[in-house]
Amino acid sequence: MAFAYMPIVGIVQGMQPIIGYNYGAKLQGRVTQTVKLGLVVSTVIASIVWVVTMGIPELLINIFSNDDSVLANGTNALRLIFLLAPIIGFQIVTGGLYQALGKAKTSLMLSMSRQLLFLIPIVLTLPHLYGLEGVWMSFPIADVLAFLFALIILLKDRKMLFSNL
């Protein structure tokens, strides 16, 4: 998963100084353009990861292990974990946006929401209902909840952030 997130985090780190500078200079159009470009590029990267993960999970697993049982169980697990990968960029970019604007509390909430707020409680609950499959199902559920959480916060603040929308 870290390999999938790294390029998106790099995009966010590159857009943060551009957003911060233009927001401070009250150039809202440039802020909007930068955020849109960050969202598009991160979604494309995450979608490529999704296509590769869905298409050749065996090859990815073989990089780390050639054990037949790992391959058999890991293929399904990898596909479930990355089921909603195309939406992960939205939450990461949104968290980076708030960090660039100096809104530390909101950025922290967004950055920690997938893991702490959603994934851990879900991964502690679903295995009791669905066994090992519940562990793997926890990841896409946490992804969609973190996406919705970021979307709600961004929509709530859109007038402050993007006055030209």
N, C-alpha and C. Protein backbone atom coordinates (compact mmCIF):
# COMPACT_ATOMS: atom_id res chain seq x y z
N MET A 1 0.83 -1.20 0.00
CA MET A 1 0.00 0.00 0.00
C MET A 1 0.86 1.26 0.00
N ALA A 2 1.98 1.19 0.71
CA ALA A 2 2.85 2.36 0.78
C ALA A 2 3.35 2.75 -0.61
N PHE A 3 3.66 1.75 -1.44
CA PHE A 3 4.12 2.04 -2.80
C PHE A 3 3.02 2.75 -3.61
N ALA A 4 1.78 2.41 -3.34
CA ALA A 4 0.67 3.04 -4.05
C ALA A 4 0.48 4.49 -3.61
N TYR A 5 0.68 4.74 -2.32
CA TYR A 5 0.45 6.07 -1.77
C TYR A 5 1.60 7.05 -2.04
N MET A 6 2.81 6.55 -2.17
CA MET A 6 3.98 7.43 -2.29
C MET A 6 3.89 8.44 -3.43
N PRO A 7 3.53 8.04 -4.64
CA PRO A 7 3.45 9.05 -5.71
C PRO A 7 2.38 10.11 -5.42
N ILE A 8 1.29 9.71 -4.80
CA ILE A 8 0.23 10.67 -4.48
C ILE A 8 0.71 11.65 -3.41
N VAL A 9 1.40 11.15 -2.43
CA VAL A 9 1.97 12.02 -1.39
C VAL A 9 2.97 12.99 -2.02
N GLY A 10 3.73 12.53 -3.00
CA GLY A 10 4.65 13.41 -3.72
C GLY A 10 3.92 14.52 -4.46
N ILE A 11 2.81 14.20 -5.08
CA ILE A 11 1.99 15.21 -5.76
C ILE A 11 1.51 16.25 -4.75
N VAL A 12 1.04 15.77 -3.60
CA VAL A 12 0.53 16.67 -2.56
C VAL A 12 1.65 17.57 -2.04
N GLN A 13 2.82 17.01 -1.82
CA GLN A 13 3.93 17.83 -1.33
C GLN A 13 4.35 18.88 -2.35
N GLY A 14 4.21 18.56 -3.62
CA GLY A 14 4.52 19.53 -4.66
C GLY A 14 3.49 20.62 -4.79
N MET A 15 2.24 20.30 -4.53
CA MET A 15 1.18 21.31 -4.69
C MET A 15 1.04 22.22 -3.47
N GLN A 16 1.49 21.77 -2.30
CA GLN A 16 1.29 22.55 -1.08
C GLN A 16 1.91 23.96 -1.12
N PRO A 17 3.17 24.10 -1.53
CA PRO A 17 3.70 25.48 -1.56
C PRO A 17 2.99 26.35 -2.59
N ILE A 18 2.56 25.75 -3.68
CA ILE A 18 1.84 26.52 -4.71
C ILE A 18 0.51 27.00 -4.15
N ILE A 19 -0.20 26.13 -3.45
CA ILE A 19 -1.48 26.50 -2.85
C ILE A 19 -1.29 27.55 -1.77
N GLY A 20 -0.32 27.32 -0.89
CA GLY A 20 -0.09 28.26 0.20
C GLY A 20 0.25 29.66 -0.30
N TYR A 21 1.13 29.74 -1.27
CA TYR A 21 1.53 31.03 -1.82
C TYR A 21 0.35 31.74 -2.47
N ASN A 22 -0.37 31.03 -3.32
CA ASN A 22 -1.48 31.64 -4.06
C ASN A 22 -2.66 31.97 -3.17
N TYR A 23 -2.89 31.16 -2.15
CA TYR A 23 -3.96 31.47 -1.20
C TYR A 23 -3.62 32.75 -0.43
N GLY A 24 -2.37 32.85 0.00
CA GLY A 24 -1.93 34.06 0.70
C GLY A 24 -1.97 35.30 -0.18
N ALA A 25 -1.71 35.12 -1.47
CA ALA A 25 -1.74 36.23 -2.42
C ALA A 25 -3.16 36.51 -2.92
N LYS A 26 -4.14 35.78 -2.39
CA LYS A 26 -5.54 35.91 -2.75
C LYS A 26 -5.79 35.65 -4.24
N LEU A 27 -5.04 34.71 -4.78
CA LEU A 27 -5.21 34.28 -6.17
C LEU A 27 -5.99 32.97 -6.17
N GLN A 28 -7.29 33.09 -5.88
CA GLN A 28 -8.14 31.92 -5.70
C GLN A 28 -8.21 31.03 -6.94
N GLY A 29 -8.14 31.64 -8.11
CA GLY A 29 -8.19 30.86 -9.34
C GLY A 29 -7.02 29.88 -9.43
N ARG A 30 -5.86 30.33 -9.01
CA ARG A 30 -4.68 29.45 -9.04
C ARG A 30 -4.79 28.35 -7.99
N VAL A 31 -5.37 28.69 -6.85
CA VAL A 31 -5.59 27.67 -5.82
C VAL A 31 -6.52 26.60 -6.37
N THR A 32 -7.61 27.03 -6.99
CA THR A 32 -8.58 26.10 -7.56
C THR A 32 -7.94 25.24 -8.64
N GLN A 33 -7.17 25.86 -9.53
CA GLN A 33 -6.51 25.10 -10.59
C GLN A 33 -5.55 24.06 -10.02
N THR A 34 -4.80 24.45 -9.02
CA THR A 34 -3.81 23.54 -8.43
C THR A 34 -4.50 22.37 -7.75
N VAL A 35 -5.57 22.65 -7.01
CA VAL A 35 -6.29 21.57 -6.34
C VAL A 35 -6.92 20.63 -7.37
N LYS A 36 -7.53 21.19 -8.39
CA LYS A 36 -8.14 20.35 -9.44
C LYS A 36 -7.09 19.48 -10.11
N LEU A 37 -5.94 20.06 -10.45
CA LEU A 37 -4.88 19.29 -11.09
C LEU A 37 -4.37 18.20 -10.14
N GLY A 38 -4.20 18.54 -8.87
CA GLY A 38 -3.77 17.55 -7.88
C GLY A 38 -4.76 16.40 -7.77
N LEU A 39 -6.05 16.73 -7.78
CA LEU A 39 -7.09 15.70 -7.71
C LEU A 39 -7.08 14.81 -8.95
N VAL A 40 -6.94 15.41 -10.11
CA VAL A 40 -6.93 14.64 -11.35
C VAL A 40 -5.71 13.72 -11.40
N VAL A 41 -4.53 14.28 -11.13
CA VAL A 41 -3.30 13.48 -11.22
C VAL A 41 -3.31 12.37 -10.17
N SER A 42 -3.74 12.68 -8.96
CA SER A 42 -3.76 11.64 -7.92
C SER A 42 -4.79 10.55 -8.24
N THR A 43 -5.90 10.93 -8.84
CA THR A 43 -6.90 9.95 -9.23
C THR A 43 -6.38 9.07 -10.36
N VAL A 44 -5.67 9.66 -11.30
CA VAL A 44 -5.09 8.87 -12.40
C VAL A 44 -4.06 7.88 -11.84
N ILE A 45 -3.20 8.35 -10.94
CA ILE A 45 -2.19 7.46 -10.35
C ILE A 45 -2.88 6.33 -9.59
N ALA A 46 -3.86 6.67 -8.75
CA ALA A 46 -4.58 5.65 -7.98
C ALA A 46 -5.33 4.69 -8.89
N SER A 47 -5.83 5.18 -10.01
CA SER A 47 -6.54 4.31 -10.96
C SER A 47 -5.58 3.35 -11.65
N ILE A 48 -4.38 3.81 -11.95
CA ILE A 48 -3.36 2.93 -12.52
C ILE A 48 -3.01 1.83 -11.52
N VAL A 49 -2.84 2.22 -10.26
CA VAL A 49 -2.58 1.23 -9.20
C VAL A 49 -3.73 0.23 -9.15
N TRP A 50 -4.95 0.72 -9.25
CA TRP A 50 -6.13 -0.15 -9.21
C TRP A 50 -6.11 -1.15 -10.37
N VAL A 51 -5.85 -0.66 -11.58
CA VAL A 51 -5.83 -1.54 -12.75
C VAL A 51 -4.77 -2.62 -12.59
N VAL A 52 -3.59 -2.23 -12.15
CA VAL A 52 -2.51 -3.20 -11.96
C VAL A 52 -2.88 -4.21 -10.88
N THR A 53 -3.41 -3.71 -9.77
CA THR A 53 -3.76 -4.59 -8.65
C THR A 53 -4.88 -5.55 -9.02
N MET A 54 -5.86 -5.07 -9.72
CA MET A 54 -6.96 -5.94 -10.13
C MET A 54 -6.55 -6.89 -11.25
N GLY A 55 -5.66 -6.43 -12.10
CA GLY A 55 -5.28 -7.22 -13.26
C GLY A 55 -4.22 -8.28 -13.01
N ILE A 56 -3.21 -7.95 -12.22
CA ILE A 56 -2.11 -8.90 -12.02
C ILE A 56 -1.69 -8.99 -10.54
N PRO A 57 -2.63 -9.30 -9.66
CA PRO A 57 -2.26 -9.36 -8.25
C PRO A 57 -1.24 -10.47 -7.96
N GLU A 58 -1.29 -11.54 -8.73
CA GLU A 58 -0.35 -12.65 -8.52
C GLU A 58 1.09 -12.19 -8.71
N LEU A 59 1.32 -11.39 -9.75
CA LEU A 59 2.66 -10.89 -10.03
C LEU A 59 3.15 -10.01 -8.88
N LEU A 60 2.28 -9.17 -8.37
CA LEU A 60 2.66 -8.30 -7.24
C LEU A 60 2.98 -9.12 -6.00
N ILE A 61 2.19 -10.12 -5.73
CA ILE A 61 2.42 -10.96 -4.55
C ILE A 61 3.72 -11.76 -4.70
N ASN A 62 4.01 -12.22 -5.92
CA ASN A 62 5.24 -12.98 -6.17
C ASN A 62 6.50 -12.17 -5.92
N ILE A 63 6.39 -10.85 -5.93
CA ILE A 63 7.55 -10.01 -5.60
C ILE A 63 7.98 -10.26 -4.16
N PHE A 64 7.01 -10.53 -3.28
CA PHE A 64 7.28 -10.67 -1.86
C PHE A 64 7.33 -12.12 -1.38
N SER A 65 6.62 -13.00 -2.07
CA SER A 65 6.58 -14.41 -1.66
C SER A 65 6.14 -15.27 -2.84
N ASN A 66 6.73 -16.46 -2.93
CA ASN A 66 6.28 -17.39 -3.97
C ASN A 66 5.60 -18.61 -3.36
N ASP A 67 5.18 -18.49 -2.12
CA ASP A 67 4.45 -19.55 -1.42
C ASP A 67 3.05 -19.65 -2.03
N ASP A 68 2.63 -20.88 -2.37
CA ASP A 68 1.33 -21.08 -3.03
C ASP A 68 0.15 -20.64 -2.17
N SER A 69 0.22 -20.88 -0.85
CA SER A 69 -0.90 -20.48 0.01
C SER A 69 -0.98 -18.95 0.14
N VAL A 70 0.18 -18.30 0.17
CA VAL A 70 0.19 -16.84 0.20
C VAL A 70 -0.41 -16.30 -1.10
N LEU A 71 -0.03 -16.91 -2.20
CA LEU A 71 -0.55 -16.48 -3.50
C LEU A 71 -2.06 -16.68 -3.59
N ALA A 72 -2.54 -17.83 -3.14
CA ALA A 72 -3.97 -18.13 -3.21
C ALA A 72 -4.78 -17.19 -2.33
N ASN A 73 -4.36 -16.98 -1.10
CA ASN A 73 -5.10 -16.11 -0.19
C ASN A 73 -4.85 -14.63 -0.47
N GLY A 74 -3.63 -14.32 -0.88
CA GLY A 74 -3.26 -12.93 -1.10
C GLY A 74 -3.92 -12.29 -2.29
N THR A 75 -4.22 -13.06 -3.31
CA THR A 75 -4.86 -12.51 -4.52
C THR A 75 -6.20 -11.88 -4.18
N ASN A 76 -7.04 -12.62 -3.48
CA ASN A 76 -8.34 -12.09 -3.08
C ASN A 76 -8.19 -10.92 -2.11
N ALA A 77 -7.27 -11.06 -1.16
CA ALA A 77 -7.05 -10.00 -0.18
C ALA A 77 -6.60 -8.71 -0.86
N LEU A 78 -5.65 -8.81 -1.77
CA LEU A 78 -5.14 -7.63 -2.46
C LEU A 78 -6.24 -6.95 -3.27
N ARG A 79 -7.06 -7.75 -3.93
CA ARG A 79 -8.15 -7.17 -4.72
C ARG A 79 -9.17 -6.47 -3.82
N LEU A 80 -9.47 -7.03 -2.67
CA LEU A 80 -10.41 -6.38 -1.74
C LEU A 80 -9.81 -5.12 -1.13
N ILE A 81 -8.54 -5.19 -0.72
CA ILE A 81 -7.89 -4.03 -0.11
C ILE A 81 -7.87 -2.84 -1.07
N PHE A 82 -7.63 -3.10 -2.34
CA PHE A 82 -7.52 -2.02 -3.33
C PHE A 82 -8.79 -1.81 -4.14
N LEU A 83 -9.89 -2.36 -3.68
CA LEU A 83 -11.15 -2.29 -4.42
C LEU A 83 -11.55 -0.85 -4.77
N LEU A 84 -11.35 0.08 -3.87
CA LEU A 84 -11.74 1.47 -4.11
C LEU A 84 -10.52 2.40 -4.20
N ALA A 85 -9.41 1.87 -4.66
CA ALA A 85 -8.18 2.66 -4.77
C ALA A 85 -8.34 3.97 -5.55
N PRO A 86 -9.14 4.03 -6.59
CA PRO A 86 -9.23 5.30 -7.33
C PRO A 86 -9.68 6.50 -6.49
N ILE A 87 -10.31 6.28 -5.35
CA ILE A 87 -10.78 7.42 -4.54
C ILE A 87 -9.80 7.82 -3.45
N ILE A 88 -8.69 7.10 -3.28
CA ILE A 88 -7.79 7.43 -2.18
C ILE A 88 -7.10 8.77 -2.36
N GLY A 89 -6.86 9.15 -3.60
CA GLY A 89 -6.19 10.42 -3.86
C GLY A 89 -6.97 11.63 -3.36
N PHE A 90 -8.27 11.54 -3.43
CA PHE A 90 -9.11 12.67 -3.02
C PHE A 90 -8.87 13.02 -1.56
N GLN A 91 -8.86 12.03 -0.71
CA GLN A 91 -8.68 12.27 0.72
C GLN A 91 -7.27 12.78 1.01
N ILE A 92 -6.27 12.22 0.34
CA ILE A 92 -4.89 12.64 0.58
C ILE A 92 -4.68 14.08 0.10
N VAL A 93 -5.20 14.41 -1.07
CA VAL A 93 -5.07 15.77 -1.59
C VAL A 93 -5.82 16.77 -0.71
N THR A 94 -6.99 16.40 -0.25
CA THR A 94 -7.76 17.29 0.61
C THR A 94 -7.02 17.55 1.93
N GLY A 95 -6.45 16.52 2.52
CA GLY A 95 -5.66 16.70 3.73
C GLY A 95 -4.47 17.61 3.49
N GLY A 96 -3.81 17.44 2.34
CA GLY A 96 -2.68 18.29 1.98
C GLY A 96 -3.10 19.73 1.72
N LEU A 97 -4.28 19.92 1.17
CA LEU A 97 -4.81 21.26 0.94
C LEU A 97 -4.94 22.02 2.25
N TYR A 98 -5.56 21.39 3.23
CA TYR A 98 -5.74 22.05 4.52
C TYR A 98 -4.41 22.29 5.23
N GLN A 99 -3.46 21.41 5.03
CA GLN A 99 -2.13 21.61 5.61
C GLN A 99 -1.47 22.83 4.97
N ALA A 100 -1.60 22.96 3.66
CA ALA A 100 -1.02 24.09 2.94
C ALA A 100 -1.63 25.41 3.38
N LEU A 101 -2.88 25.37 3.80
CA LEU A 101 -3.58 26.59 4.22
C LEU A 101 -3.35 26.90 5.68
N GLY A 102 -2.59 26.06 6.37
CA GLY A 102 -2.30 26.29 7.79
C GLY A 102 -3.44 25.88 8.70
N LYS A 103 -4.33 25.06 8.22
CA LYS A 103 -5.47 24.60 9.02
C LYS A 103 -5.11 23.21 9.57
N ALA A 104 -4.28 23.24 10.61
CA ALA A 104 -3.68 22.02 11.13
C ALA A 104 -4.69 21.02 11.68
N LYS A 105 -5.69 21.49 12.41
CA LYS A 105 -6.66 20.56 13.00
C LYS A 105 -7.44 19.81 11.94
N THR A 106 -7.90 20.54 10.94
CA THR A 106 -8.66 19.91 9.86
C THR A 106 -7.77 18.95 9.08
N SER A 107 -6.56 19.38 8.79
CA SER A 107 -5.62 18.52 8.07
C SER A 107 -5.33 17.25 8.86
N LEU A 108 -5.12 17.38 10.15
CA LEU A 108 -4.85 16.21 10.99
C LEU A 108 -6.05 15.26 10.99
N MET A 109 -7.24 15.82 11.14
CA MET A 109 -8.45 14.98 11.12
C MET A 109 -8.57 14.21 9.81
N LEU A 110 -8.33 14.90 8.70
CA LEU A 110 -8.43 14.25 7.39
C LEU A 110 -7.33 13.21 7.20
N SER A 111 -6.13 13.55 7.62
CA SER A 111 -5.00 12.63 7.45
C SER A 111 -5.13 11.38 8.29
N MET A 112 -5.72 11.51 9.46
CA MET A 112 -5.85 10.38 10.37
C MET A 112 -7.19 9.65 10.23
N SER A 113 -8.12 10.21 9.49
CA SER A 113 -9.46 9.65 9.46
C SER A 113 -9.51 8.23 8.91
N ARG A 114 -8.80 7.97 7.85
CA ARG A 114 -8.88 6.63 7.25
C ARG A 114 -8.38 5.57 8.22
N GLN A 115 -7.22 5.81 8.81
CA GLN A 115 -6.61 4.80 9.67
C GLN A 115 -7.26 4.73 11.04
N LEU A 116 -7.28 5.85 11.74
CA LEU A 116 -7.72 5.85 13.14
C LEU A 116 -9.23 5.90 13.32
N LEU A 117 -9.85 6.81 12.61
CA LEU A 117 -11.28 7.02 12.79
C LEU A 117 -12.11 5.88 12.20
N PHE A 118 -11.68 5.37 11.04
CA PHE A 118 -12.49 4.38 10.34
C PHE A 118 -11.89 2.97 10.33
N LEU A 119 -10.66 2.83 9.83
CA LEU A 119 -10.11 1.49 9.60
C LEU A 119 -9.99 0.67 10.89
N ILE A 120 -9.40 1.22 11.92
CA ILE A 120 -9.17 0.44 13.14
C ILE A 120 -10.49 -0.04 13.75
N PRO A 121 -11.49 0.82 13.95
CA PRO A 121 -12.75 0.30 14.50
C PRO A 121 -13.42 -0.76 13.60
N ILE A 122 -13.34 -0.54 12.29
CA ILE A 122 -13.98 -1.49 11.37
C ILE A 122 -13.23 -2.82 11.37
N VAL A 123 -11.90 -2.76 11.36
CA VAL A 123 -11.11 -3.99 11.32
C VAL A 123 -11.22 -4.76 12.64
N LEU A 124 -11.59 -4.08 13.71
CA LEU A 124 -11.82 -4.76 14.99
C LEU A 124 -13.23 -5.36 15.08
N THR A 125 -14.12 -4.89 14.21
CA THR A 125 -15.52 -5.33 14.24
C THR A 125 -15.84 -6.40 13.18
N LEU A 126 -15.51 -6.13 11.93
CA LEU A 126 -15.93 -7.01 10.83
C LEU A 126 -15.41 -8.45 10.92
N PRO A 127 -14.20 -8.70 11.41
CA PRO A 127 -13.77 -10.10 11.49
C PRO A 127 -14.67 -10.97 12.38
N HIS A 128 -15.32 -10.35 13.35
CA HIS A 128 -16.26 -11.11 14.19
C HIS A 128 -17.47 -11.57 13.38
N LEU A 129 -17.80 -10.82 12.35
CA LEU A 129 -18.95 -11.16 11.52
C LEU A 129 -18.58 -11.97 10.28
N TYR A 130 -17.41 -11.66 9.68
CA TYR A 130 -17.05 -12.26 8.40
C TYR A 130 -15.70 -12.99 8.40
N GLY A 131 -15.09 -13.13 9.54
CA GLY A 131 -13.80 -13.81 9.61
C GLY A 131 -12.70 -13.02 8.93
N LEU A 132 -11.76 -13.73 8.32
CA LEU A 132 -10.63 -13.08 7.65
C LEU A 132 -11.09 -12.16 6.52
N GLU A 133 -12.16 -12.56 5.85
CA GLU A 133 -12.72 -11.72 4.78
C GLU A 133 -13.12 -10.34 5.32
N GLY A 134 -13.57 -10.30 6.57
CA GLY A 134 -13.93 -9.03 7.21
C GLY A 134 -12.75 -8.09 7.37
N VAL A 135 -11.57 -8.66 7.58
CA VAL A 135 -10.36 -7.82 7.67
C VAL A 135 -10.13 -7.14 6.33
N TRP A 136 -10.20 -7.90 5.25
CA TRP A 136 -9.94 -7.33 3.92
C TRP A 136 -11.04 -6.37 3.49
N MET A 137 -12.28 -6.64 3.88
CA MET A 137 -13.39 -5.74 3.53
C MET A 137 -13.29 -4.41 4.27
N SER A 138 -12.59 -4.39 5.38
CA SER A 138 -12.45 -3.16 6.17
C SER A 138 -11.77 -2.05 5.39
N PHE A 139 -10.83 -2.40 4.53
CA PHE A 139 -10.07 -1.40 3.80
C PHE A 139 -10.93 -0.58 2.84
N PRO A 140 -11.70 -1.20 1.93
CA PRO A 140 -12.52 -0.36 1.05
C PRO A 140 -13.62 0.39 1.80
N ILE A 141 -14.11 -0.18 2.88
CA ILE A 141 -15.12 0.54 3.67
C ILE A 141 -14.50 1.79 4.29
N ALA A 142 -13.31 1.64 4.85
CA ALA A 142 -12.61 2.80 5.42
C ALA A 142 -12.28 3.82 4.33
N ASP A 143 -11.92 3.35 3.13
CA ASP A 143 -11.63 4.27 2.02
C ASP A 143 -12.85 5.11 1.66
N VAL A 144 -14.00 4.48 1.54
CA VAL A 144 -15.20 5.23 1.15
C VAL A 144 -15.63 6.18 2.27
N LEU A 145 -15.50 5.77 3.52
CA LEU A 145 -15.86 6.66 4.63
C LEU A 145 -14.91 7.86 4.71
N ALA A 146 -13.62 7.62 4.51
CA ALA A 146 -12.65 8.72 4.53
C ALA A 146 -12.89 9.66 3.35
N PHE A 147 -13.24 9.11 2.20
CA PHE A 147 -13.57 9.92 1.03
C PHE A 147 -14.77 10.81 1.32
N LEU A 148 -15.83 10.22 1.87
CA LEU A 148 -17.03 11.00 2.19
C LEU A 148 -16.76 12.06 3.24
N PHE A 149 -15.96 11.72 4.23
CA PHE A 149 -15.58 12.67 5.28
C PHE A 149 -14.84 13.87 4.66
N ALA A 150 -13.86 13.59 3.79
CA ALA A 150 -13.12 14.66 3.12
C ALA A 150 -14.03 15.49 2.22
N LEU A 151 -14.94 14.83 1.51
CA LEU A 151 -15.86 15.53 0.63
C LEU A 151 -16.77 16.47 1.41
N ILE A 152 -17.29 16.01 2.52
CA ILE A 152 -18.17 16.84 3.35
C ILE A 152 -17.42 18.07 3.85
N ILE A 153 -16.21 17.88 4.35
CA ILE A 153 -15.42 19.01 4.85
C ILE A 153 -15.09 19.98 3.72
N LEU A 154 -14.70 19.45 2.58
CA LEU A 154 -14.36 20.32 1.45
C LEU A 154 -15.58 21.09 0.96
N LEU A 155 -16.72 20.44 0.87
CA LEU A 155 -17.93 21.14 0.44
C LEU A 155 -18.36 22.20 1.44
N LYS A 156 -18.18 21.90 2.72
CA LYS A 156 -18.53 22.87 3.77
C LYS A 156 -17.68 24.14 3.65
N ASP A 157 -16.42 23.98 3.28
CA ASP A 157 -15.49 25.11 3.23
C ASP A 157 -15.27 25.66 1.82
N ARG A 158 -16.01 25.20 0.84
CA ARG A 158 -15.70 25.56 -0.54
C ARG A 158 -15.77 27.07 -0.80
N LYS A 159 -16.67 27.77 -0.16
CA LYS A 159 -16.76 29.22 -0.40
C LYS A 159 -15.54 29.94 0.15
N MET A 160 -15.05 29.48 1.31
CA MET A 160 -13.86 30.09 1.90
C MET A 160 -12.64 29.77 1.04
N LEU A 161 -12.55 28.54 0.54
CA LEU A 161 -11.36 28.10 -0.18
C LEU A 161 -11.37 28.54 -1.63
N PHE A 162 -12.53 28.45 -2.27
CA PHE A 162 -12.61 28.71 -3.70
C PHE A 162 -13.72 29.74 -3.95
N SER A 163 -13.43 30.97 -3.67
CA SER A 163 -14.47 32.00 -3.74
C SER A 163 -15.00 32.18 -5.16
N ASN A 164 -14.29 31.68 -6.15
CA ASN A 164 -14.78 31.84 -7.52
C ASN A 164 -15.69 30.70 -7.95
N LEU A 165 -16.00 29.75 -7.06
CA LEU A 165 -16.90 28.65 -7.43
C LEU A 165 -18.35 29.02 -7.15
